[in-house]
Amino acid sequence: MTKADLIDEVSRLAELTRKDSEVIVETIFDSVVRSLRAGDKIEIRGFGSFRTRQRKPRVGRNPKTGERVEVPAKKIPFFKPSKELKDLVNEAAAAPPAPAPPATTVPPTA
């Protein structure tokens, strides 16, 4: 699902204009980014939590030349799904596939 798909889904389910739905989705994403930049943890009950993790500096290699490259320390966003989300995803994966609708055949014409 892309951001555009998400906006369309919000628009359809909430019966809002696409523009209003886009404002809602953008506001949520901007709020998450602002909170992560500030070092806050975001917890959405039943969905999961977002936080940042600190990566240590390290020595990497340029894959093209093989040259050693110093990679500085940095913060990365990290998502941890909730138990409910894990259960819902695994429940859907464990469910048997829905039966296919019967195929209709058209008799050949002579």
C-alpha atoms as a PDB file:
ATOM      1  CA  MET A   1       0.000   0.000   0.000  1.00  0.00           C
ATOM      2  CA  THR A   2       1.355   3.422  -0.924  1.00  0.00           C
ATOM      3  CA  LYS A   3       0.637   6.766   0.709  1.00  0.00           C
ATOM      4  CA  ALA A   4      -1.737   7.575  -2.167  1.00  0.00           C
ATOM      5  CA  ASP A   5      -3.593   4.282  -1.553  1.00  0.00           C
ATOM      6  CA  LEU A   6      -3.857   5.135   2.131  1.00  0.00           C
ATOM      7  CA  ILE A   7      -5.258   8.588   1.317  1.00  0.00           C
ATOM      8  CA  ASP A   8      -7.808   7.030  -1.042  1.00  0.00           C
ATOM      9  CA  GLU A   9      -8.814   4.496   1.636  1.00  0.00           C
ATOM     10  CA  VAL A  10      -9.296   7.223   4.279  1.00  0.00           C
ATOM     11  CA  SER A  11     -11.285   9.275   1.781  1.00  0.00           C
ATOM     12  CA  ARG A  12     -13.542   6.343   0.941  1.00  0.00           C
ATOM     13  CA  LEU A  13     -14.100   5.057   4.482  1.00  0.00           C
ATOM     14  CA  ALA A  14     -14.544   8.445   6.155  1.00  0.00           C
ATOM     15  CA  GLU A  15     -16.527   9.845   3.226  1.00  0.00           C
ATOM     16  CA  LEU A  16     -14.221  12.863   2.983  1.00  0.00           C
ATOM     17  CA  THR A  17     -12.770  14.632  -0.010  1.00  0.00           C
ATOM     18  CA  ARG A  18      -9.408  13.405  -1.203  1.00  0.00           C
ATOM     19  CA  LYS A  19      -7.873  16.744  -0.232  1.00  0.00           C
ATOM     20  CA  ASP A  20      -9.173  16.506   3.358  1.00  0.00           C
ATOM     21  CA  SER A  21      -7.940  12.918   3.600  1.00  0.00           C
ATOM     22  CA  GLU A  22      -4.531  13.962   2.314  1.00  0.00           C
ATOM     23  CA  VAL A  23      -4.296  16.652   5.022  1.00  0.00           C
ATOM     24  CA  ILE A  24      -5.171  14.074   7.702  1.00  0.00           C
ATOM     25  CA  VAL A  25      -2.621  11.496   6.524  1.00  0.00           C
ATOM     26  CA  GLU A  26       0.131  14.122   6.077  1.00  0.00           C
ATOM     27  CA  THR A  27      -0.577  15.547   9.556  1.00  0.00           C
ATOM     28  CA  ILE A  28      -0.245  12.111  11.155  1.00  0.00           C
ATOM     29  CA  PHE A  29       3.026  11.378   9.336  1.00  0.00           C
ATOM     30  CA  ASP A  30       4.433  14.828  10.162  1.00  0.00           C
ATOM     31  CA  SER A  31       3.527  14.345  13.838  1.00  0.00           C
ATOM     32  CA  VAL A  32       5.322  10.996  13.940  1.00  0.00           C
ATOM     33  CA  VAL A  33       8.448  12.465  12.297  1.00  0.00           C
ATOM     34  CA  ARG A  34       8.480  15.489  14.637  1.00  0.00           C
ATOM     35  CA  SER A  35       8.176  13.260  17.696  1.00  0.00           C
ATOM     36  CA  LEU A  36      10.960  10.938  16.537  1.00  0.00           C
ATOM     37  CA  ARG A  37      13.236  13.903  15.807  1.00  0.00           C
ATOM     38  CA  ALA A  38      12.606  15.160  19.342  1.00  0.00           C
ATOM     39  CA  GLY A  39      13.590  11.743  20.709  1.00  0.00           C
ATOM     40  CA  ASP A  40      10.067  10.837  21.846  1.00  0.00           C
ATOM     41  CA  LYS A  41       8.536   7.370  21.626  1.00  0.00           C
ATOM     42  CA  ILE A  42       5.196   7.023  19.834  1.00  0.00           C
ATOM     43  CA  GLU A  43       2.909   4.250  21.031  1.00  0.00           C
ATOM     44  CA  ILE A  44      -0.301   3.352  19.207  1.00  0.00           C
ATOM     45  CA  ARG A  45      -2.140   0.757  21.280  1.00  0.00           C
ATOM     46  CA  GLY A  46      -3.056  -2.337  19.307  1.00  0.00           C
ATOM     47  CA  PHE A  47      -0.699  -1.347  16.462  1.00  0.00           C
ATOM     48  CA  GLY A  48       2.842  -0.839  17.743  1.00  0.00           C
ATOM     49  CA  SER A  49       5.429   1.699  18.788  1.00  0.00           C
ATOM     50  CA  PHE A  50       7.948   3.873  16.984  1.00  0.00           C
ATOM     51  CA  ARG A  51      11.229   5.040  18.502  1.00  0.00           C
ATOM     52  CA  THR A  52      14.756   5.824  17.447  1.00  0.00           C
ATOM     53  CA  ARG A  53      17.831   3.687  17.981  1.00  0.00           C
ATOM     54  CA  GLN A  54      21.399   4.951  18.045  1.00  0.00           C
ATOM     55  CA  ARG A  55      23.869   3.314  15.649  1.00  0.00           C
ATOM     56  CA  LYS A  56      27.551   3.444  16.574  1.00  0.00           C
ATOM     57  CA  PRO A  57      30.154   4.785  14.154  1.00  0.00           C
ATOM     58  CA  ARG A  58      31.855   2.078  12.110  1.00  0.00           C
ATOM     59  CA  VAL A  59      34.216   1.481   9.241  1.00  0.00           C
ATOM     60  CA  GLY A  60      32.514   0.422   6.023  1.00  0.00           C
ATOM     61  CA  ARG A  61      33.729  -0.321   2.525  1.00  0.00           C
ATOM     62  CA  ASN A  62      32.837   1.309  -0.764  1.00  0.00           C
ATOM     63  CA  PRO A  63      31.417  -1.631  -2.759  1.00  0.00           C
ATOM     64  CA  LYS A  64      32.703  -0.217  -6.049  1.00  0.00           C
ATOM     65  CA  THR A  65      36.323   0.505  -5.079  1.00  0.00           C
ATOM     66  CA  GLY A  66      36.765  -1.521  -1.879  1.00  0.00           C
ATOM     67  CA  GLU A  67      38.061   1.646  -0.183  1.00  0.00           C
ATOM     68  CA  ARG A  68      37.550   1.996   3.596  1.00  0.00           C
ATOM     69  CA  VAL A  69      34.908   4.583   4.514  1.00  0.00           C
ATOM     70  CA  GLU A  70      34.155   6.008   7.966  1.00  0.00           C
ATOM     71  CA  VAL A  71      30.406   5.744   8.640  1.00  0.00           C
ATOM     72  CA  PRO A  72      29.379   8.230  11.366  1.00  0.00           C
ATOM     73  CA  ALA A  73      27.040   7.484  14.281  1.00  0.00           C
ATOM     74  CA  LYS A  74      23.382   8.107  13.488  1.00  0.00           C
ATOM     75  CA  LYS A  75      19.847   7.648  14.756  1.00  0.00           C
ATOM     76  CA  ILE A  76      17.518   5.327  12.873  1.00  0.00           C
ATOM     77  CA  PRO A  77      13.733   4.945  13.230  1.00  0.00           C
ATOM     78  CA  PHE A  78      12.578   1.595  14.608  1.00  0.00           C
ATOM     79  CA  PHE A  79       9.068   0.091  14.645  1.00  0.00           C
ATOM     80  CA  LYS A  80       8.018  -2.633  17.058  1.00  0.00           C
ATOM     81  CA  PRO A  81       4.625  -4.183  16.275  1.00  0.00           C
ATOM     82  CA  SER A  82       2.215  -4.891  19.123  1.00  0.00           C
ATOM     83  CA  LYS A  83       1.198  -8.407  20.081  1.00  0.00           C
ATOM     84  CA  GLU A  84      -2.308  -7.730  18.716  1.00  0.00           C
ATOM     85  CA  LEU A  85      -0.914  -6.703  15.315  1.00  0.00           C
ATOM     86  CA  LYS A  86       1.325  -9.779  15.177  1.00  0.00           C
ATOM     87  CA  ASP A  87      -1.629 -12.004  16.068  1.00  0.00           C
ATOM     88  CA  LEU A  88      -3.852 -10.397  13.414  1.00  0.00           C
ATOM     89  CA  VAL A  89      -1.200 -10.804  10.714  1.00  0.00           C
ATOM     90  CA  ASN A  90      -0.509 -14.413  11.669  1.00  0.00           C
ATOM     91  CA  GLU A  91      -4.224 -15.179  11.939  1.00  0.00           C
ATOM     92  CA  ALA A  92      -4.709 -13.991   8.350  1.00  0.00           C
ATOM     93  CA  ALA A  93      -1.717 -16.049   7.194  1.00  0.00           C
ATOM     94  CA  ALA A  94      -2.983 -19.208   8.948  1.00  0.00           C
ATOM     95  CA  ALA A  95      -6.552 -18.934   7.622  1.00  0.00           C
ATOM     96  CA  PRO A  96      -7.351 -21.170   4.669  1.00  0.00           C
ATOM     97  CA  PRO A  97      -7.729 -19.328   1.367  1.00  0.00           C
ATOM     98  CA  ALA A  98     -11.260 -18.393   0.376  1.00  0.00           C
ATOM     99  CA  PRO A  99     -12.756 -20.719  -2.226  1.00  0.00           C
ATOM    100  CA  ALA A 100     -12.639 -19.393  -5.762  1.00  0.00           C
ATOM    101  CA  PRO A 101     -15.979 -18.568  -7.365  1.00  0.00           C
ATOM    102  CA  PRO A 102     -17.154 -21.207  -9.825  1.00  0.00           C
ATOM    103  CA  ALA A 103     -15.907 -20.629 -13.334  1.00  0.00           C
ATOM    104  CA  THR A 104     -18.533 -19.998 -15.942  1.00  0.00           C
ATOM    105  CA  THR A 105     -18.040 -21.661 -19.251  1.00  0.00           C
ATOM    106  CA  VAL A 106     -19.378 -20.390 -22.494  1.00  0.00           C
ATOM    107  CA  PRO A 107     -20.333 -23.155 -24.932  1.00  0.00           C
ATOM    108  CA  PRO A 108     -18.465 -22.888 -28.227  1.00  0.00           C
ATOM    109  CA  THR A 109     -20.484 -21.540 -31.119  1.00  0.00           C
ATOM    110  CA  ALA A 110     -20.472 -23.350 -34.429  1.00  0.00           C
END
